Protein backbone atom coordinates (compact mmCIF):
# COMPACT_ATOMS: atom_id res chain seq x y z
CA MET A 1 20.40 -6.87 2.46
CA LYS A 2 17.24 -7.46 3.97
CA SER A 3 14.51 -6.43 0.88
CA ILE A 4 10.37 -5.18 1.58
CA GLU A 5 7.78 -5.02 -1.37
CA ILE A 6 4.83 -2.58 -0.97
CA VAL A 7 1.73 -3.66 -2.89
CA THR A 8 -0.33 -0.49 -3.82
CA HIS A 9 -3.24 -0.24 -5.81
CA CYS A 10 -4.20 2.64 -7.59
CA TRP A 11 -7.14 3.75 -9.45
CA ARG A 12 -7.93 7.25 -9.89
CA TYR A 13 -6.58 8.10 -6.94
CA TRP A 14 -3.30 9.34 -8.86
CA ARG A 15 -2.96 12.69 -6.57
CA CYS A 16 -3.02 10.43 -3.01
CA LEU A 17 -0.46 8.23 -5.15
CA THR A 18 1.58 10.90 -5.70
CA TYR A 19 1.67 11.91 -1.90
CA GLN A 20 2.70 8.18 -1.13
CA VAL A 21 5.89 7.34 -3.65
CA SER A 22 7.24 11.30 -3.12
CA ALA A 23 7.31 9.97 1.39
CA LEU A 24 9.69 7.04 0.57
CA TYR A 25 11.10 9.14 -1.47
CA LEU A 26 11.80 12.32 0.94
CA HIS A 27 12.26 9.94 3.45
CA PRO A 28 14.18 6.68 1.91
CA PRO A 29 15.40 4.02 4.62
CA GLY A 30 19.32 2.95 4.35
CA GLU A 31 20.89 1.36 2.00
CA THR A 32 20.77 -1.68 4.67
CA LEU A 33 17.14 -1.83 3.00
CA ASP A 34 15.82 -2.80 -0.49
CA VAL A 35 12.44 -1.20 -1.00
CA ILE A 36 9.92 -1.48 -4.53
CA LEU A 37 7.20 0.34 -4.56
CA HIS A 38 4.82 -1.59 -6.78
CA VAL A 39 1.85 0.23 -7.95
CA LEU A 40 -0.57 -2.28 -10.47
CA LEU A 41 -2.50 0.53 -12.22
CA SER A 42 -4.52 0.27 -15.56
CA ASP A 43 -3.48 1.98 -18.93
CA GLU A 44 -7.84 2.77 -19.07
CA ASP A 45 -6.67 5.29 -15.98
CA ALA A 46 -4.39 7.70 -18.16
CA PRO A 47 -4.09 10.17 -15.13
CA THR A 48 -2.42 8.07 -12.98
CA SER A 49 -0.47 6.48 -15.62
CA ASN A 50 0.73 10.01 -16.84
CA ARG A 51 1.79 10.67 -12.49
CA THR A 52 3.57 7.50 -12.45
CA GLU A 53 5.44 8.18 -15.49
CA GLN A 54 6.50 11.08 -14.02
CA LEU A 55 7.20 10.28 -10.35
CA MET A 56 9.76 7.19 -11.73
CA GLN A 57 11.94 10.18 -13.68
CA ILE A 58 12.83 10.94 -10.76
CA ASP A 59 16.68 10.32 -8.87
CA TRP A 60 15.90 7.23 -6.79
CA PRO A 61 18.16 5.72 -4.52
CA ASN A 62 19.69 2.98 -5.44
CA ASN A 63 18.01 0.87 -3.24
CA VAL A 64 14.37 2.14 -3.92
CA ARG A 65 13.02 1.43 -6.85
CA LEU A 66 8.91 2.39 -7.77
CA LYS A 67 7.80 -0.54 -10.11
CA VAL A 68 4.82 -0.41 -12.16
CA THR A 69 3.10 -3.41 -13.31
CA HIS A 70 -0.12 -2.44 -16.22
CA LEU A 71 -3.33 -5.01 -15.99
CA PRO A 72 -6.42 -5.24 -17.54
CA LYS A 73 -9.16 -3.13 -15.46
CA GLU A 74 -11.14 -5.67 -15.15
CA GLN A 75 -8.76 -7.52 -12.92
CA LEU A 76 -7.89 -3.93 -11.04
CA PHE A 77 -10.93 -3.71 -9.91
CA ARG A 78 -10.76 -7.03 -7.60
CA ARG A 79 -7.77 -5.83 -5.26
CA SER A 80 -7.15 -9.09 -4.23
CA ILE A 81 -6.10 -10.49 -8.28
CA GLY A 82 -2.82 -8.22 -8.20
CA ARG A 83 -1.73 -8.78 -4.62
CA ASN A 84 -1.88 -12.54 -5.28
CA LEU A 85 0.58 -11.88 -8.47
CA VAL A 86 2.76 -10.78 -6.58
CA ALA A 87 2.72 -12.44 -3.58
CA LEU A 88 3.01 -15.77 -5.98
CA GLN A 89 6.36 -13.61 -7.72
CA THR A 90 7.65 -11.51 -5.23
CA ARG A 91 11.39 -12.28 -4.38
CA ALA A 92 11.32 -9.76 -1.34
CA ASP A 93 11.68 -10.84 2.41
CA ILE A 94 8.37 -9.43 3.65
CA VAL A 95 5.67 -8.12 1.86
CA TRP A 96 3.49 -4.90 2.63
CA PHE A 97 0.14 -4.88 1.33
CA THR A 98 -1.01 -1.51 1.32
CA ASP A 99 -3.21 1.09 -0.54
CA CYS A 100 -2.04 4.48 -1.74
CA ASP A 101 -3.67 6.54 0.81
CA TYR A 102 -1.05 5.36 3.19
CA LEU A 103 2.28 7.32 3.79
CA ILE A 104 5.47 4.70 4.68
CA HIS A 105 8.50 6.20 5.48
CA GLY A 106 11.98 4.52 5.42
CA THR A 107 11.70 4.98 9.46
CA SER A 108 8.52 2.49 9.20
CA LEU A 109 10.30 -0.31 7.11
CA TYR A 110 12.97 -0.02 10.20
CA ASP A 111 10.77 -1.30 12.45
CA VAL A 112 8.34 -3.95 10.62
CA PHE A 113 12.00 -5.28 9.94
CA HIS A 114 12.76 -5.13 13.55
CA GLN A 115 9.24 -6.37 14.66
CA MET A 116 9.49 -9.00 12.12
CA GLY A 117 12.41 -10.74 13.97
CA GLN A 118 11.32 -11.56 16.66
CA ALA A 119 10.24 -15.14 17.47
CA ASP A 120 7.25 -16.41 15.66
CA ILE A 121 6.07 -13.47 14.38
CA ARG A 122 5.03 -14.03 10.60
CA PHE A 123 1.64 -11.54 10.45
CA ILE A 124 1.98 -7.85 12.18
CA TYR A 125 -0.11 -4.48 11.74
CA PRO A 126 0.65 -1.17 13.05
CA GLY A 127 -1.67 -0.82 16.04
CA GLN A 128 -2.04 2.82 15.35
CA ILE A 129 -1.44 5.55 12.41
CA MET A 130 -1.75 9.19 12.10
CA GLY A 131 -4.18 10.52 10.21
CA THR A 132 -6.07 13.66 8.71
CA THR A 133 -9.25 15.46 9.27
CA HIS A 134 -11.49 14.39 6.77
CA GLU A 135 -11.35 17.46 5.54
CA VAL A 136 -8.46 18.93 5.58
CA GLY A 137 -7.20 15.25 3.82
CA ASP A 138 -9.44 16.95 0.82
CA GLN A 139 -7.47 19.81 0.79
CA ILE A 140 -3.95 18.31 1.17
CA ILE A 141 -5.14 15.58 -1.82
CA GLN A 142 -6.20 18.56 -4.06
CA GLN A 143 -2.59 20.29 -3.60
CA ALA A 144 -1.06 17.62 -5.33
CA THR A 145 -2.58 18.22 -8.94
CA ASP A 146 0.11 20.47 -10.48
CA TRP A 147 3.20 18.26 -11.54
CA THR A 148 5.84 20.07 -9.90
CA GLY A 149 8.66 17.50 -8.33
CA PRO A 150 7.83 15.20 -4.73
CA ILE A 151 5.46 16.88 -2.79
CA LYS A 152 6.00 16.60 0.89
CA ALA A 153 2.15 16.40 3.27
CA ASP A 154 2.76 19.16 6.42
CA ARG A 155 2.88 16.42 9.11
CA SER A 156 1.15 19.60 11.05
CA LEU A 157 -1.59 18.62 9.54
CA ILE A 158 -1.73 15.40 10.12
CA THR A 159 -3.44 15.32 13.67
CA GLU A 160 -5.57 12.25 14.43
CA VAL A 161 -4.26 9.45 16.25
CA LEU A 162 -5.95 6.25 14.26
CA PRO A 163 -6.00 3.52 16.46
CA MET A 164 -6.23 0.36 14.17
CA ASN A 165 -7.61 -3.02 15.71
CA ARG A 166 -6.42 -5.21 13.00
CA ALA A 167 -5.04 -6.23 10.20
CA ILE A 168 -7.39 -4.13 7.09
CA GLY A 169 -5.92 -3.85 4.13
CA GLY A 170 -3.97 -1.48 3.78
CA ILE A 171 -2.21 -2.29 6.78
CA GLN A 172 -1.16 -6.26 6.16
CA ILE A 173 2.89 -7.02 6.40
CA VAL A 174 3.20 -10.70 5.79
CA ASP A 175 6.28 -12.64 5.75
CA GLY A 176 7.48 -13.00 1.73
CA ASP A 177 7.88 -17.38 1.91
CA LEU A 178 3.62 -17.13 3.51
CA CYS A 179 3.22 -15.26 0.34
CA ARG A 180 4.78 -17.39 -2.00
CA GLU A 181 3.35 -20.32 0.33
CA TYR A 182 -0.14 -18.88 0.02
CA GLY A 183 -0.47 -16.09 -2.73
CA TYR A 184 -3.25 -13.80 -1.36
CA LEU A 185 -6.26 -15.80 -1.53
CA LYS A 186 -5.13 -17.81 -4.39
CA ASP A 187 -8.09 -20.54 -4.51
CA SER A 188 -11.02 -18.91 -4.04
CA LYS A 189 -12.49 -18.03 -7.10
CA LYS A 190 -14.41 -15.05 -6.13
CA ALA A 191 -11.01 -13.41 -5.21
CA GLN A 192 -9.67 -14.52 -7.96
CA CYS A 193 -12.84 -13.54 -10.58
CA PRO A 194 -12.41 -10.12 -12.78
CA ALA A 195 -14.88 -7.06 -12.39
CA ASP A 196 -16.59 -4.67 -14.29
CA ARG A 197 -16.31 -1.52 -11.85
CA TRP A 198 -14.89 -1.52 -8.46
CA GLN A 199 -15.28 -3.56 -5.90
CA ARG A 200 -15.33 -3.55 -2.06
CA CYS A 201 -12.13 -4.69 -0.46
CA PHE A 202 -13.40 -7.19 1.60
CA GLU A 203 -10.94 -9.98 0.98
CA ASP A 204 -8.12 -8.79 3.60
CA VAL A 205 -10.78 -10.02 5.90
CA SER A 206 -10.39 -13.35 4.03
CA PHE A 207 -7.13 -13.14 3.90
CA ARG A 208 -6.50 -12.44 7.26
CA LYS A 209 -8.72 -15.73 8.38
CA MET A 210 -7.27 -18.19 5.53
CA LEU A 211 -3.50 -17.57 7.47
CA GLY A 212 -5.56 -17.65 10.61
CA VAL A 213 -7.14 -21.31 9.75
CA HIS A 214 -2.73 -22.06 9.09
CA GLY A 215 -2.45 -20.73 12.77
CA ILE A 216 -0.54 -17.15 11.66
CA LYS A 217 -2.65 -14.40 13.48
CA ALA A 218 -1.26 -10.77 12.64
CA GLU A 219 0.10 -9.02 15.71
CA ALA A 220 -0.27 -5.57 16.79
CA VAL A 221 2.71 -3.52 16.80
CA SER A 222 4.51 -0.34 17.11
CA ILE A 223 5.46 0.70 13.57
CA ARG A 224 6.50 4.88 13.61
CA ASP A 225 5.34 7.39 10.68
CA VAL A 226 2.61 5.46 8.83
CA LEU A 227 0.41 8.51 8.09
CA ARG A 228 -3.16 8.51 6.03
CA LEU A 229 -4.59 11.27 4.03
CA GLN A 230 -8.70 10.81 4.76
CA HIS A 231 -10.59 12.14 2.91
CA SER A 232 -14.26 12.52 2.97
CA VAL A 233 -15.79 10.39 -0.16
CA ALA A 234 -14.62 6.91 -1.16
CA GLY A 235 -14.40 5.07 -4.55
CA ARG A 236 -16.32 1.95 -3.75
CA HIS A 237 -19.29 5.14 -2.50
CA ASP A 238 -18.44 6.79 -5.76
CA PRO A 239 -16.81 4.91 -8.76
CA GLU A 240 -16.16 8.39 -10.36
CA LEU A 241 -14.74 8.97 -7.59
CA VAL A 242 -11.00 10.97 -8.93
CA LEU A 243 -8.67 11.27 -5.70
């Protein structure tokens, strides 16, 4: 059975996380794929911890698992620290580094394995995804405030075609052997240095460059059903933002 580990960070974006986890639960892949959705969070973010506990109580398919790793917030605030921990420890064939405002469906994962099965392709990203407008995204996110079980984003409201011209941090899909060999900037002191507040996530650029030095280029490919809940304010601009 082929396996993939989806790695996501969450600091105060617990409503977005609800949609992300729900998307995989409501649209799982068939039993030919083994999936781990690995959430990195901090105990100091109580709303995210509480919502994650609720999501873990769902009756998940046997081949889909929600995994949670609790980090000190100073480690969580530097996204590359958690990504490196997972990259070095993963047993998956493929690792998808994402953010919790991306929704990934079972159909997406079939496309990932098809594309990564091509010769000499080890690092990919979707060349195009669909997203909300920022205003509609704000409205959709707020609808996940109360827990009533898995929640589905209204696809009719996801109207924006978002071309992707590089493998940004939420859509970096990497061969598992590369992750185990290189980690996620494991040799960078800055990338592995804890921080006292959430850091701008520029390390995905350094990660692309690092793999490029080893002759591994990110390839834009076609992947269905990758959606993004765009929102008008980002946590990097407002450290107190709750989504």
